[in-house]
Amino acid sequence: MKYINKESADIDKEINKLMALIERTTTVNDITELRDGLEDFIANYNSISTINGSIVTQNKTLDLADLIPARHVKRMHHVENIDEAIAKASDVLVANHFIDIKYIHEMQQVFDDSYMVIMQNIAIPHAYSEKHVHKTAMSMLILQEPIYMSDGTAIHIIVPIAAVDKVTHLRALLQLRDVAQDNDAIKRIIQSRKNSDVNEILKNYSNKEARENGWDSN
């Protein structure tokens, strides 16, 4: 992860970088708990053993492409509003027991487009209660007709985020931010015909990060 420099002696600086990113993209209810969680995360990351000089990364399921497999992608022509978009995007997570339906209701209640939209390209509804989340997961709804945020921003892509804690989804969230910054990738996702094509686009960002950080992609 480029935001965690494994060779750096100043772990506090690395934690501060992550906290700044998290505070820009989500609401933090307990700063102390977040910092403690990040310290545990980095301690675990730095203690990962090496094999033949290659870093053995954390559970690969935390990559974006694995959290949003092809079966978690849905397409629709039109939805009436963000509540419907959240519900339709999250159906697959309920069906596969990643979340309870109550988590959908929580996401609808707390959605705020002032900070739950990345780079004016991807809406990331999420809630702060973990009791209705059984496993960290994401899904994606692709709309041919956009829905409009309160500032007039047109959104074609909605990615609900369900996390069992404050840190296990961060790697995938950083990769999702990289996707949102790439207008060409956004266009290809919207114009894609097959779910597997979307997953391949997401894999490119997982692999890109692995190459930049010298990770073993296997």
Protein backbone atom coordinates (compact mmCIF):
# COMPACT_ATOMS: atom_id res chain seq x y z
CA MET A 1 0.00 0.00 0.00
CA LYS A 2 1.63 3.22 -1.07
CA TYR A 3 0.28 5.07 1.95
CA ILE A 4 2.15 2.73 4.30
CA ASN A 5 5.90 2.80 3.78
CA LYS A 6 7.13 -0.45 5.30
CA GLU A 7 10.71 0.85 5.50
CA SER A 8 9.80 4.11 7.22
CA ALA A 9 10.92 4.54 10.81
CA ASP A 10 8.28 7.17 11.44
CA ILE A 11 5.07 5.14 11.74
CA ASP A 12 3.19 8.12 13.17
CA LYS A 13 3.55 9.98 9.87
CA GLU A 14 2.14 7.00 7.99
CA ILE A 15 -0.81 6.78 10.37
CA ASN A 16 -1.45 10.51 10.00
CA LYS A 17 -1.54 10.14 6.20
CA LEU A 18 -4.13 7.39 6.46
CA MET A 19 -6.21 9.28 9.02
CA ALA A 20 -6.24 12.37 6.81
CA LEU A 21 -7.48 10.31 3.86
CA ILE A 22 -10.14 8.58 5.95
CA GLU A 23 -11.41 11.87 7.38
CA ARG A 24 -11.73 13.29 3.84
CA THR A 25 -13.81 10.35 2.60
CA THR A 26 -15.92 9.34 5.58
CA THR A 27 -17.22 10.48 8.94
CA VAL A 28 -15.10 9.44 11.92
CA ASN A 29 -17.09 9.03 15.12
CA ASP A 30 -14.19 8.01 17.36
CA ILE A 31 -10.73 9.33 16.43
CA THR A 32 -9.01 7.41 19.22
CA GLU A 33 -10.56 4.11 18.19
CA LEU A 34 -9.60 4.76 14.57
CA ARG A 35 -5.99 5.53 15.46
CA ASP A 36 -5.74 2.45 17.68
CA GLY A 37 -7.12 0.34 14.85
CA LEU A 38 -4.64 1.78 12.36
CA GLU A 39 -1.75 1.16 14.74
CA ASP A 40 -2.82 -2.47 15.08
CA PHE A 41 -3.24 -2.73 11.31
CA ILE A 42 0.24 -1.34 10.59
CA ALA A 43 1.84 -3.45 13.31
CA ASN A 44 0.31 -6.51 11.69
CA TYR A 45 1.33 -5.32 8.21
CA ASN A 46 4.94 -4.75 9.28
CA SER A 47 5.11 -8.14 10.98
CA ILE A 48 4.10 -10.05 7.85
CA SER A 49 6.81 -12.56 7.03
CA THR A 50 8.72 -12.58 3.75
CA ILE A 51 9.39 -15.50 1.44
CA ASN A 52 12.38 -15.21 -0.89
CA GLY A 53 12.36 -11.45 -0.34
CA SER A 54 8.76 -11.00 -1.52
CA ILE A 55 6.24 -9.39 0.79
CA VAL A 56 3.40 -11.72 1.70
CA THR A 57 0.44 -9.36 1.69
CA GLN A 58 -2.68 -9.52 3.79
CA ASN A 59 -5.70 -11.53 2.79
CA LYS A 60 -6.15 -11.03 -0.94
CA THR A 61 -9.91 -10.79 -0.55
CA LEU A 62 -9.36 -7.20 0.61
CA ASP A 63 -8.38 -6.11 -2.91
CA LEU A 64 -11.05 -4.12 -4.75
CA ALA A 65 -11.44 -6.67 -7.54
CA ASP A 66 -12.10 -9.43 -5.03
CA LEU A 67 -14.54 -7.40 -2.95
CA ILE A 68 -16.46 -6.57 -6.16
CA PRO A 69 -16.46 -9.82 -8.16
CA ALA A 70 -18.44 -10.00 -11.38
CA ARG A 71 -21.45 -11.44 -9.55
CA HIS A 72 -21.64 -8.29 -7.38
CA VAL A 73 -22.10 -6.02 -10.41
CA LYS A 74 -25.58 -4.98 -11.53
CA ARG A 75 -26.79 -2.76 -14.37
CA MET A 76 -29.98 -0.75 -14.57
CA HIS A 77 -31.23 1.81 -17.01
CA HIS A 78 -32.87 4.09 -14.47
CA VAL A 79 -33.67 4.52 -10.78
CA GLU A 80 -35.91 7.13 -9.23
CA ASN A 81 -33.58 8.30 -6.47
CA ILE A 82 -30.56 7.49 -4.33
CA ASP A 83 -32.62 5.35 -1.94
CA GLU A 84 -33.64 3.05 -4.77
CA ALA A 85 -30.06 3.02 -6.08
CA ILE A 86 -28.72 1.97 -2.67
CA ALA A 87 -31.36 -0.76 -2.34
CA LYS A 88 -30.80 -2.17 -5.83
CA ALA A 89 -27.02 -2.01 -5.50
CA SER A 90 -27.12 -3.83 -2.15
CA ASP A 91 -29.55 -6.64 -3.04
CA VAL A 92 -26.71 -9.02 -3.84
CA LEU A 93 -25.05 -8.38 -0.48
CA VAL A 94 -28.25 -9.30 1.35
CA ALA A 95 -28.81 -12.36 -0.84
CA ASN A 96 -25.33 -13.64 -0.06
CA HIS A 97 -25.60 -12.87 3.67
CA PHE A 98 -22.87 -10.23 3.77
CA ILE A 99 -25.34 -7.78 5.33
CA ASP A 100 -28.82 -7.70 6.82
CA ILE A 101 -31.51 -5.67 5.09
CA LYS A 102 -31.42 -3.28 8.05
CA TYR A 103 -27.98 -2.15 6.88
CA ILE A 104 -29.56 -0.97 3.62
CA HIS A 105 -32.01 1.13 5.61
CA GLU A 106 -29.14 2.60 7.63
CA MET A 107 -27.23 3.52 4.46
CA GLN A 108 -30.32 5.23 3.07
CA GLN A 109 -30.85 7.19 6.26
CA VAL A 110 -27.30 8.50 6.59
CA PHE A 111 -26.36 9.01 2.93
CA ASP A 112 -24.79 12.45 2.48
CA ASP A 113 -23.59 13.37 -0.99
CA SER A 114 -21.32 16.10 0.39
CA TYR A 115 -18.74 13.46 1.30
CA MET A 116 -20.06 10.08 0.09
CA VAL A 117 -19.11 10.78 -3.52
CA ILE A 118 -15.53 10.21 -4.71
CA MET A 119 -14.10 12.58 -7.32
CA GLN A 120 -17.63 13.38 -8.55
CA ASN A 121 -17.71 9.93 -10.17
CA ILE A 122 -18.64 7.21 -7.66
CA ALA A 123 -21.17 7.32 -4.83
CA ILE A 124 -20.09 5.23 -1.83
CA PRO A 125 -23.07 4.80 0.52
CA HIS A 126 -22.14 3.25 3.85
CA ALA A 127 -23.36 3.24 7.43
CA TYR A 128 -21.54 3.38 10.73
CA SER A 129 -23.19 0.46 12.53
CA GLU A 130 -21.34 -2.82 12.20
CA LYS A 131 -24.00 -4.98 13.86
CA HIS A 132 -25.82 -5.61 10.57
CA VAL A 133 -22.63 -6.44 8.63
CA HIS A 134 -21.46 -10.06 8.67
CA LYS A 135 -18.51 -9.80 6.31
CA THR A 136 -16.63 -6.97 4.60
CA ALA A 137 -18.04 -6.59 1.10
CA MET A 138 -18.82 -4.18 -1.73
CA SER A 139 -21.07 -4.23 -4.77
CA MET A 140 -21.58 -2.00 -7.79
CA LEU A 141 -24.64 -0.61 -9.56
CA ILE A 142 -24.05 0.88 -13.01
CA LEU A 143 -26.74 3.25 -14.27
CA GLN A 144 -27.22 4.20 -17.90
CA GLU A 145 -29.22 7.24 -16.83
CA PRO A 146 -27.44 9.03 -13.98
CA ILE A 147 -28.92 10.13 -10.72
CA TYR A 148 -28.14 13.65 -9.62
CA MET A 149 -26.65 14.73 -6.34
CA SER A 150 -27.75 17.88 -4.51
CA ASP A 151 -25.02 19.91 -6.22
CA GLY A 152 -26.05 18.69 -9.68
CA THR A 153 -23.30 16.09 -10.02
CA ALA A 154 -24.38 13.24 -12.31
CA ILE A 155 -23.55 9.81 -10.89
CA HIS A 156 -23.62 6.59 -12.90
CA ILE A 157 -21.83 4.30 -10.43
CA ILE A 158 -22.92 3.42 -6.89
CA VAL A 159 -20.70 1.25 -4.68
CA PRO A 160 -22.17 0.35 -1.27
CA ILE A 161 -19.51 -0.43 1.32
CA ALA A 162 -20.07 -2.84 4.19
CA ALA A 163 -17.21 -3.26 6.66
CA VAL A 164 -16.89 -5.31 9.81
CA ASP A 165 -14.38 -2.84 11.27
CA LYS A 166 -12.64 0.47 10.54
CA VAL A 167 -9.59 -0.82 8.68
CA THR A 168 -10.07 -4.06 6.72
CA HIS A 169 -11.60 -2.30 3.71
CA LEU A 170 -9.06 0.54 3.48
CA ARG A 171 -6.89 -1.06 0.81
CA ALA A 172 -9.90 -1.58 -1.46
CA LEU A 173 -11.14 1.94 -0.69
CA LEU A 174 -7.83 3.43 -1.80
CA GLN A 175 -8.01 1.40 -5.01
CA LEU A 176 -11.59 2.58 -5.57
CA ARG A 177 -10.45 6.16 -5.16
CA ASP A 178 -7.83 5.54 -7.87
CA VAL A 179 -10.57 4.25 -10.17
CA ALA A 180 -12.70 7.32 -9.45
CA GLN A 181 -9.81 9.58 -10.42
CA ASP A 182 -9.54 7.95 -13.84
CA ASN A 183 -12.28 9.31 -16.10
CA ASP A 184 -11.36 6.82 -18.82
CA ALA A 185 -11.89 3.91 -16.42
CA ILE A 186 -15.23 5.38 -15.35
CA LYS A 187 -16.31 5.66 -18.98
CA ARG A 188 -15.28 2.06 -19.70
CA ILE A 189 -17.21 0.80 -16.68
CA ILE A 190 -20.36 2.66 -17.73
CA GLN A 191 -20.07 1.43 -21.32
CA SER A 192 -19.12 -2.15 -20.40
CA ARG A 193 -21.35 -4.98 -21.61
CA LYS A 194 -20.19 -7.79 -19.33
CA ASN A 195 -19.69 -7.92 -15.58
CA SER A 196 -16.40 -9.72 -16.11
CA ASP A 197 -15.14 -6.69 -18.04
CA VAL A 198 -15.84 -4.49 -15.02
CA ASN A 199 -13.96 -6.88 -12.77
CA GLU A 200 -10.99 -6.83 -15.14
CA ILE A 201 -10.89 -3.03 -14.94
CA LEU A 202 -10.88 -3.24 -11.15
CA LYS A 203 -8.14 -5.88 -11.25
CA ASN A 204 -5.94 -3.45 -13.13
CA TYR A 205 -5.97 -1.14 -10.13
CA SER A 206 -5.23 -3.94 -7.67
CA ASN A 207 -2.35 -5.12 -9.86
CA LYS A 208 -1.13 -1.56 -10.41
CA GLU A 209 -0.83 -1.02 -6.67
CA ALA A 210 0.90 -4.38 -6.23
CA ARG A 211 3.47 -3.51 -8.90
CA GLU A 212 4.14 -0.08 -7.42
CA ASN A 213 4.76 -1.59 -3.99
CA GLY A 214 6.67 -4.68 -5.04
CA TRP A 215 4.03 -7.13 -3.88
CA ASP A 216 3.81 -10.68 -5.12
CA SER A 217 0.55 -10.75 -7.09
CA ASN A 218 0.19 -14.52 -6.70
